[in-house]
């Protein structure tokens, strides 16, 4: 029995909401595999930094932000 047949046998009869979760998981696994492309070793580390400097959520004093985040979990 091949893997496709085993998968079909395992999920047949599941309700649509469960099948939707299975599809979401399969798509996650596919994107995870595609995201595992190695980063060129000659790429400077600074090119990988940043991205949140224009964010309204993370704007302001870093110490105030840290306190807000910490207090949120209290």
PDB file of N, CA and C in Angstrom:
ATOM      1  N   UNK A   1       0.863  -1.185   0.000  1.00  0.00           N
ATOM      2  CA  UNK A   1       0.000   0.000   0.000  1.00  0.00           C
ATOM      3  C   UNK A   1       0.899   1.234   0.000  1.00  0.00           C
ATOM      4  N   UNK A   2       0.668   2.141  -0.959  1.00  0.00           N
ATOM      5  CA  UNK A   2       1.513   3.335  -1.013  1.00  0.00           C
ATOM      6  C   UNK A   2       1.020   4.400  -0.038  1.00  0.00           C
ATOM      7  N   UNK A   3       1.818   5.426   0.125  1.00  0.00           N
ATOM      8  CA  UNK A   3       1.534   6.474   1.112  1.00  0.00           C
ATOM      9  C   UNK A   3       0.245   7.224   0.804  1.00  0.00           C
ATOM     10  N   UNK A   4       0.000   7.493  -0.467  1.00  0.00           N
ATOM     11  CA  UNK A   4      -1.222   8.213  -0.842  1.00  0.00           C
ATOM     12  C   UNK A   4      -2.461   7.414  -0.452  1.00  0.00           C
ATOM     13  N   UNK A   5      -2.440   6.125  -0.699  1.00  0.00           N
ATOM     14  CA  UNK A   5      -3.570   5.261  -0.344  1.00  0.00           C
ATOM     15  C   UNK A   5      -3.737   5.204   1.169  1.00  0.00           C
ATOM     16  N   UNK A   6      -2.639   5.094   1.884  1.00  0.00           N
ATOM     17  CA  UNK A   6      -2.707   5.067   3.356  1.00  0.00           C
ATOM     18  C   UNK A   6      -3.312   6.363   3.887  1.00  0.00           C
ATOM     19  N   UNK A   7      -2.887   7.499   3.309  1.00  0.00           N
ATOM     20  CA  UNK A   7      -3.431   8.793   3.743  1.00  0.00           C
ATOM     21  C   UNK A   7      -4.918   8.870   3.451  1.00  0.00           C
ATOM     22  N   UNK A   8      -5.311   8.467   2.261  1.00  0.00           N
ATOM     23  CA  UNK A   8      -6.728   8.490   1.903  1.00  0.00           C
ATOM     24  C   UNK A   8      -7.541   7.612   2.859  1.00  0.00           C
ATOM     25  N   UNK A   9      -7.051   6.405   3.117  1.00  0.00           N
ATOM     26  CA  UNK A   9      -7.760   5.495   4.029  1.00  0.00           C
ATOM     27  C   UNK A   9      -7.866   6.079   5.437  1.00  0.00           C
ATOM     28  N   UNK A  10      -6.838   6.793   5.855  1.00  0.00           N
ATOM     29  CA  UNK A  10      -6.829   7.357   7.201  1.00  0.00           C
ATOM     30  C   UNK A  10      -7.831   8.493   7.364  1.00  0.00           C
ATOM     31  N   UNK A  11      -8.069   9.258   6.298  1.00  0.00           N
ATOM     32  CA  UNK A  11      -8.903  10.454   6.447  1.00  0.00           C
ATOM     33  C   UNK A  11     -10.293  10.338   5.858  1.00  0.00           C
ATOM     34  N   UNK A  12     -10.568   9.278   5.100  1.00  0.00           N
ATOM     35  CA  UNK A  12     -11.913   9.183   4.501  1.00  0.00           C
ATOM     36  C   UNK A  12     -12.956   9.072   5.613  1.00  0.00           C
ATOM     37  N   UNK A  13     -14.004   9.777   5.425  1.00  0.00           N
ATOM     38  CA  UNK A  13     -15.056   9.785   6.421  1.00  0.00           C
ATOM     39  C   UNK A  13     -14.934  10.889   7.451  1.00  0.00           C
ATOM     40  N   UNK A  14     -13.808  11.611   7.441  1.00  0.00           N
ATOM     41  CA  UNK A  14     -13.666  12.727   8.374  1.00  0.00           C
ATOM     42  C   UNK A  14     -14.607  13.860   7.955  1.00  0.00           C
ATOM     43  N   UNK A  15     -15.128  14.611   8.909  1.00  0.00           N
ATOM     44  CA  UNK A  15     -15.971  15.762   8.559  1.00  0.00           C
ATOM     45  C   UNK A  15     -15.135  16.876   7.914  1.00  0.00           C
ATOM     46  N   UNK A  16     -15.810  17.746   7.171  1.00  0.00           N
ATOM     47  CA  UNK A  16     -15.115  18.823   6.450  1.00  0.00           C
ATOM     48  C   UNK A  16     -14.221  19.699   7.320  1.00  0.00           C
ATOM     49  N   UNK A  17     -14.633  20.077   8.535  1.00  0.00           N
ATOM     50  CA  UNK A  17     -13.730  20.913   9.345  1.00  0.00           C
ATOM     51  C   UNK A  17     -12.394  20.230   9.651  1.00  0.00           C
ATOM     52  N   UNK A  18     -12.424  18.927   9.876  1.00  0.00           N
ATOM     53  CA  UNK A  18     -11.189  18.192  10.153  1.00  0.00           C
ATOM     54  C   UNK A  18     -10.351  18.113   8.880  1.00  0.00           C
ATOM     55  N   UNK A  19     -10.989  17.870   7.749  1.00  0.00           N
ATOM     56  CA  UNK A  19     -10.269  17.832   6.472  1.00  0.00           C
ATOM     57  C   UNK A  19      -9.624  19.182   6.178  1.00  0.00           C
ATOM     58  N   UNK A  20     -10.299  20.266   6.540  1.00  0.00           N
ATOM     59  CA  UNK A  20      -9.726  21.601   6.331  1.00  0.00           C
ATOM     60  C   UNK A  20      -8.462  21.770   7.170  1.00  0.00           C
ATOM     61  N   UNK A  21      -8.470  21.244   8.389  1.00  0.00           N
ATOM     62  CA  UNK A  21      -7.269  21.305   9.234  1.00  0.00           C
ATOM     63  C   UNK A  21      -6.127  20.495   8.622  1.00  0.00           C
ATOM     64  N   UNK A  22      -6.453  19.347   8.068  1.00  0.00           N
ATOM     65  CA  UNK A  22      -5.438  18.504   7.445  1.00  0.00           C
ATOM     66  C   UNK A  22      -4.831  19.215   6.240  1.00  0.00           C
ATOM     67  N   UNK A  23      -5.669  19.863   5.440  1.00  0.00           N
ATOM     68  CA  UNK A  23      -5.171  20.617   4.288  1.00  0.00           C
ATOM     69  C   UNK A  23      -4.288  21.770   4.756  1.00  0.00           C
ATOM     70  N   UNK A  24      -4.709  22.483   5.789  1.00  0.00           N
ATOM     71  CA  UNK A  24      -3.892  23.573   6.329  1.00  0.00           C
ATOM     72  C   UNK A  24      -2.526  23.058   6.771  1.00  0.00           C
ATOM     73  N   UNK A  25      -2.522  21.906   7.437  1.00  0.00           N
ATOM     74  CA  UNK A  25      -1.270  21.334   7.910  1.00  0.00           C
ATOM     75  C   UNK A  25      -0.380  20.927   6.736  1.00  0.00           C
ATOM     76  N   UNK A  26      -0.969  20.330   5.715  1.00  0.00           N
ATOM     77  CA  UNK A  26      -0.199  19.934   4.535  1.00  0.00           C
ATOM     78  C   UNK A  26       0.411  21.155   3.854  1.00  0.00           C
ATOM     79  N   UNK A  27      -0.355  22.232   3.753  1.00  0.00           N
ATOM     80  CA  UNK A  27       0.169  23.465   3.155  1.00  0.00           C
ATOM     81  C   UNK A  27       1.276  24.059   4.019  1.00  0.00           C
ATOM     82  N   UNK A  28       1.131  23.968   5.333  1.00  0.00           N
ATOM     83  CA  UNK A  28       2.180  24.431   6.231  1.00  0.00           C
ATOM     84  C   UNK A  28       3.463  23.639   5.998  1.00  0.00           C
ATOM     85  N   UNK A  29       3.342  22.319   5.907  1.00  0.00           N
ATOM     86  CA  UNK A  29       4.523  21.492   5.669  1.00  0.00           C
ATOM     87  C   UNK A  29       5.188  21.832   4.338  1.00  0.00           C
ATOM     88  N   UNK A  30       4.374  22.079   3.310  1.00  0.00           N
ATOM     89  CA  UNK A  30       4.929  22.440   2.004  1.00  0.00           C
ATOM     90  C   UNK A  30       5.679  23.771   2.092  1.00  0.00           C
ATOM     91  N   UNK A  31       5.080  24.766   2.744  1.00  0.00           N
ATOM     92  CA  UNK A  31       5.747  26.070   2.839  1.00  0.00           C
ATOM     93  C   UNK A  31       7.000  25.982   3.706  1.00  0.00           C
ATOM     94  N   UNK A  32       6.964  25.141   4.721  1.00  0.00           N
ATOM     95  CA  UNK A  32       8.122  24.958   5.589  1.00  0.00           C
ATOM     96  C   UNK A  32       9.287  24.380   4.786  1.00  0.00           C
ATOM     97  N   UNK A  33       9.016  23.436   3.929  1.00  0.00           N
ATOM     98  CA  UNK A  33      10.062  22.849   3.086  1.00  0.00           C
ATOM     99  C   UNK A  33      10.624  23.884   2.117  1.00  0.00           C
ATOM    100  N   UNK A  34       9.753  24.724   1.570  1.00  0.00           N
ATOM    101  CA  UNK A  34      10.205  25.733   0.615  1.00  0.00           C
ATOM    102  C   UNK A  34      11.020  26.815   1.297  1.00  0.00           C
ATOM    103  N   UNK A  35      10.728  27.080   2.586  1.00  0.00           N
ATOM    104  CA  UNK A  35      11.433  28.126   3.332  1.00  0.00           C
ATOM    105  C   UNK A  35      12.809  27.685   3.818  1.00  0.00           C
ATOM    106  N   UNK A  36      13.152  26.421   3.648  1.00  0.00           N
ATOM    107  CA  UNK A  36      14.415  25.918   4.158  1.00  0.00           C
ATOM    108  C   UNK A  36      15.574  26.124   3.179  1.00  0.00           C
ATOM    109  N   UNK A  37      15.403  27.043   2.245  1.00  0.00           N
ATOM    110  CA  UNK A  37      16.480  27.344   1.310  1.00  0.00           C
ATOM    111  C   UNK A  37      17.638  27.962   2.082  1.00  0.00           C
ATOM    112  N   UNK A  38      18.852  27.467   1.887  1.00  0.00           N
ATOM    113  CA  UNK A  38      19.990  28.013   2.642  1.00  0.00           C
ATOM    114  C   UNK A  38      20.283  29.465   2.257  1.00  0.00           C
ATOM    115  N   UNK A  39      20.700  30.243   3.242  1.00  0.00           N
ATOM    116  CA  UNK A  39      21.090  31.634   3.022  1.00  0.00           C
ATOM    117  C   UNK A  39      22.533  31.650   2.544  1.00  0.00           C
ATOM    118  N   UNK A  40      22.793  32.465   1.556  1.00  0.00           N
ATOM    119  CA  UNK A  40      24.154  32.550   1.020  1.00  0.00           C
ATOM    120  C   UNK A  40      25.112  32.953   2.131  1.00  0.00           C
ATOM    121  N   UNK A  41      26.230  32.264   2.237  1.00  0.00           N
ATOM    122  CA  UNK A  41      27.168  32.522   3.325  1.00  0.00           C
ATOM    123  C   UNK A  41      27.897  33.848   3.166  1.00  0.00           C
ATOM    124  N   UNK A  42      27.902  34.406   1.963  1.00  0.00           N
ATOM    125  CA  UNK A  42      28.589  35.678   1.768  1.00  0.00           C
ATOM    126  C   UNK A  42      27.658  36.876   1.996  1.00  0.00           C
ATOM    127  N   UNK A  43      26.397  36.612   2.373  1.00  0.00           N
ATOM    128  CA  UNK A  43      25.445  37.687   2.623  1.00  0.00           C
ATOM    129  C   UNK A  43      25.740  38.317   3.983  1.00  0.00           C
ATOM    130  N   UNK A  44      25.924  39.631   4.034  1.00  0.00           N
ATOM    131  CA  UNK A  44      26.216  40.278   5.325  1.00  0.00           C
ATOM    132  C   UNK A  44      25.046  40.128   6.302  1.00  0.00           C
ATOM    133  N   UNK A  45      25.376  39.936   7.560  1.00  0.00           N
ATOM    134  CA  UNK A  45      24.367  39.753   8.589  1.00  0.00           C
ATOM    135  C   UNK A  45      23.452  40.968   8.701  1.00  0.00           C
ATOM    136  N   UNK A  46      23.974  42.147   8.455  1.00  0.00           N
ATOM    137  CA  UNK A  46      23.161  43.356   8.571  1.00  0.00           C
ATOM    138  C   UNK A  46      22.018  43.390   7.566  1.00  0.00           C
ATOM    139  N   UNK A  47      22.133  42.685   6.457  1.00  0.00           N
ATOM    140  CA  UNK A  47      21.033  42.668   5.488  1.00  0.00           C
ATOM    141  C   UNK A  47      19.839  41.881   6.019  1.00  0.00           C
ATOM    142  N   UNK A  48      20.045  41.064   7.044  1.00  0.00           N
ATOM    143  CA  UNK A  48      18.970  40.272   7.625  1.00  0.00           C
ATOM    144  C   UNK A  48      18.273  40.980   8.779  1.00  0.00           C
ATOM    145  N   UNK A  49      18.801  42.107   9.219  1.00  0.00           N
ATOM    146  CA  UNK A  49      18.242  42.789  10.380  1.00  0.00           C
ATOM    147  C   UNK A  49      17.181  43.799   9.960  1.00  0.00           C
ATOM    148  N   UNK A  50      16.415  44.249  10.932  1.00  0.00           N
ATOM    149  CA  UNK A  50      15.425  45.289  10.688  1.00  0.00           C
ATOM    150  C   UNK A  50      14.084  44.719  10.290  1.00  0.00           C
ATOM    151  N   UNK A  51      13.220  45.589   9.869  1.00  0.00           N
ATOM    152  CA  UNK A  51      11.902  45.184   9.437  1.00  0.00           C
ATOM    153  C   UNK A  51      10.795  45.686  10.334  1.00  0.00           C
ATOM    154  N   UNK A  52      11.104  46.033  11.563  1.00  0.00           N
ATOM    155  CA  UNK A  52      10.076  46.511  12.483  1.00  0.00           C
ATOM    156  C   UNK A  52      10.247  47.986  12.834  1.00  0.00           C
ATOM    157  N   UNK A  53      11.238  48.621  12.234  1.00  0.00           N
ATOM    158  CA  UNK A  53      11.492  50.012  12.605  1.00  0.00           C
ATOM    159  C   UNK A  53      10.341  50.950  12.222  1.00  0.00           C
ATOM    160  N   UNK A  54       9.531  50.574  11.231  1.00  0.00           N
ATOM    161  CA  UNK A  54       8.407  51.416  10.837  1.00  0.00           C
ATOM    162  C   UNK A  54       7.093  50.946  11.458  1.00  0.00           C
ATOM    163  N   UNK A  55       7.155  49.956  12.332  1.00  0.00           N
ATOM    164  CA  UNK A  55       5.958  49.395  12.938  1.00  0.00           C
ATOM    165  C   UNK A  55       5.405  50.317  14.021  1.00  0.00           C
ATOM    166  N   UNK A  56       4.092  50.551  13.982  1.00  0.00           N
ATOM    167  CA  UNK A  56       3.458  51.353  15.035  1.00  0.00           C
ATOM    168  C   UNK A  56       3.468  50.596  16.359  1.00  0.00           C
ATOM    169  N   UNK A  57       3.382  49.288  16.297  1.00  0.00           N
ATOM    170  CA  UNK A  57       3.358  48.460  17.502  1.00  0.00           C
ATOM    171  C   UNK A  57       4.659  48.556  18.277  1.00  0.00           C
ATOM    172  N   UNK A  58       5.775  48.601  17.560  1.00  0.00           N
ATOM    173  CA  UNK A  58       7.076  48.589  18.210  1.00  0.00           C
ATOM    174  C   UNK A  58       7.755  49.956  18.215  1.00  0.00           C
ATOM    175  N   UNK A  59       6.992  51.008  17.956  1.00  0.00           N
ATOM    176  CA  UNK A  59       7.556  52.362  17.965  1.00  0.00           C
ATOM    177  C   UNK A  59       7.676  52.856  19.408  1.00  0.00           C
ATOM    178  N   UNK A  60       8.583  53.778  19.625  1.00  0.00           N
ATOM    179  CA  UNK A  60       8.727  54.373  20.946  1.00  0.00           C
ATOM    180  C   UNK A  60       9.933  53.855  21.693  1.00  0.00           C
ATOM    181  N   UNK A  61       9.943  54.170  22.972  1.00  0.00           N
ATOM    182  CA  UNK A  61      11.056  53.808  23.841  1.00  0.00           C
ATOM    183  C   UNK A  61      11.103  52.293  24.039  1.00  0.00           C
ATOM    184  N   UNK A  62      12.238  51.653  23.765  1.00  0.00           N
ATOM    185  CA  UNK A  62      12.332  50.197  23.918  1.00  0.00           C
ATOM    186  C   UNK A  62      12.056  49.717  25.344  1.00  0.00           C
ATOM    187  N   UNK A  63      12.438  50.500  26.354  1.00  0.00           N
ATOM    188  CA  UNK A  63      12.192  50.089  27.736  1.00  0.00           C
ATOM    189  C   UNK A  63      10.703  50.119  28.087  1.00  0.00           C
ATOM    190  N   UNK A  64       9.991  51.100  27.547  1.00  0.00           N
ATOM    191  CA  UNK A  64       8.547  51.177  27.768  1.00  0.00           C
ATOM    192  C   UNK A  64       7.869  50.003  27.066  1.00  0.00           C
ATOM    193  N   UNK A  65       8.312  49.703  25.854  1.00  0.00           N
ATOM    194  CA  UNK A  65       7.769  48.570  25.112  1.00  0.00           C
ATOM    195  C   UNK A  65       8.004  47.266  25.871  1.00  0.00           C
ATOM    196  N   UNK A  66       9.209  47.097  26.394  1.00  0.00           N
ATOM    197  CA  UNK A  66       9.529  45.886  27.147  1.00  0.00           C
ATOM    198  C   UNK A  66       8.630  45.769  28.377  1.00  0.00           C
ATOM    199  N   UNK A  67       8.439  46.855  29.082  1.00  0.00           N
ATOM    200  CA  UNK A  67       7.583  46.833  30.275  1.00  0.00           C
ATOM    201  C   UNK A  67       6.143  46.509  29.895  1.00  0.00           C
ATOM    202  N   UNK A  68       5.663  47.083  28.796  1.00  0.00           N
ATOM    203  CA  UNK A  68       4.286  46.809  28.326  1.00  0.00           C
ATOM    204  C   UNK A  68       4.110  45.330  27.994  1.00  0.00           C
ATOM    205  N   UNK A  69       5.088  44.760  27.314  1.00  0.00           N
ATOM    206  CA  UNK A  69       5.005  43.353  26.943  1.00  0.00           C
ATOM    207  C   UNK A  69       5.074  42.460  28.177  1.00  0.00           C
ATOM    208  N   UNK A  70       5.949  42.804  29.103  1.00  0.00           N
ATOM    209  CA  UNK A  70       6.075  42.018  30.328  1.00  0.00           C
ATOM    210  C   UNK A  70       4.783  42.086  31.136  1.00  0.00           C
ATOM    211  N   UNK A  71       4.220  43.275  31.273  1.00  0.00           N
ATOM    212  CA  UNK A  71       3.015  43.454  32.077  1.00  0.00           C
ATOM    213  C   UNK A  71       1.806  42.781  31.453  1.00  0.00           C
ATOM    214  N   UNK A  72       1.827  42.605  30.130  1.00  0.00           N
ATOM    215  CA  UNK A  72       0.726  41.951  29.456  1.00  0.00           C
ATOM    216  C   UNK A  72       0.586  40.505  29.922  1.00  0.00           C
ATOM    217  N   UNK A  73       1.692  39.875  30.302  1.00  0.00           N
ATOM    218  CA  UNK A  73       1.661  38.483  30.713  1.00  0.00           C
ATOM    219  C   UNK A  73       1.478  38.312  32.217  1.00  0.00           C
ATOM    220  N   UNK A  74       1.371  39.400  32.929  1.00  0.00           N
ATOM    221  CA  UNK A  74       1.199  39.308  34.392  1.00  0.00           C
ATOM    222  C   UNK A  74      -0.234  39.057  34.775  1.00  0.00           C
TER     223      UNK A  74
END
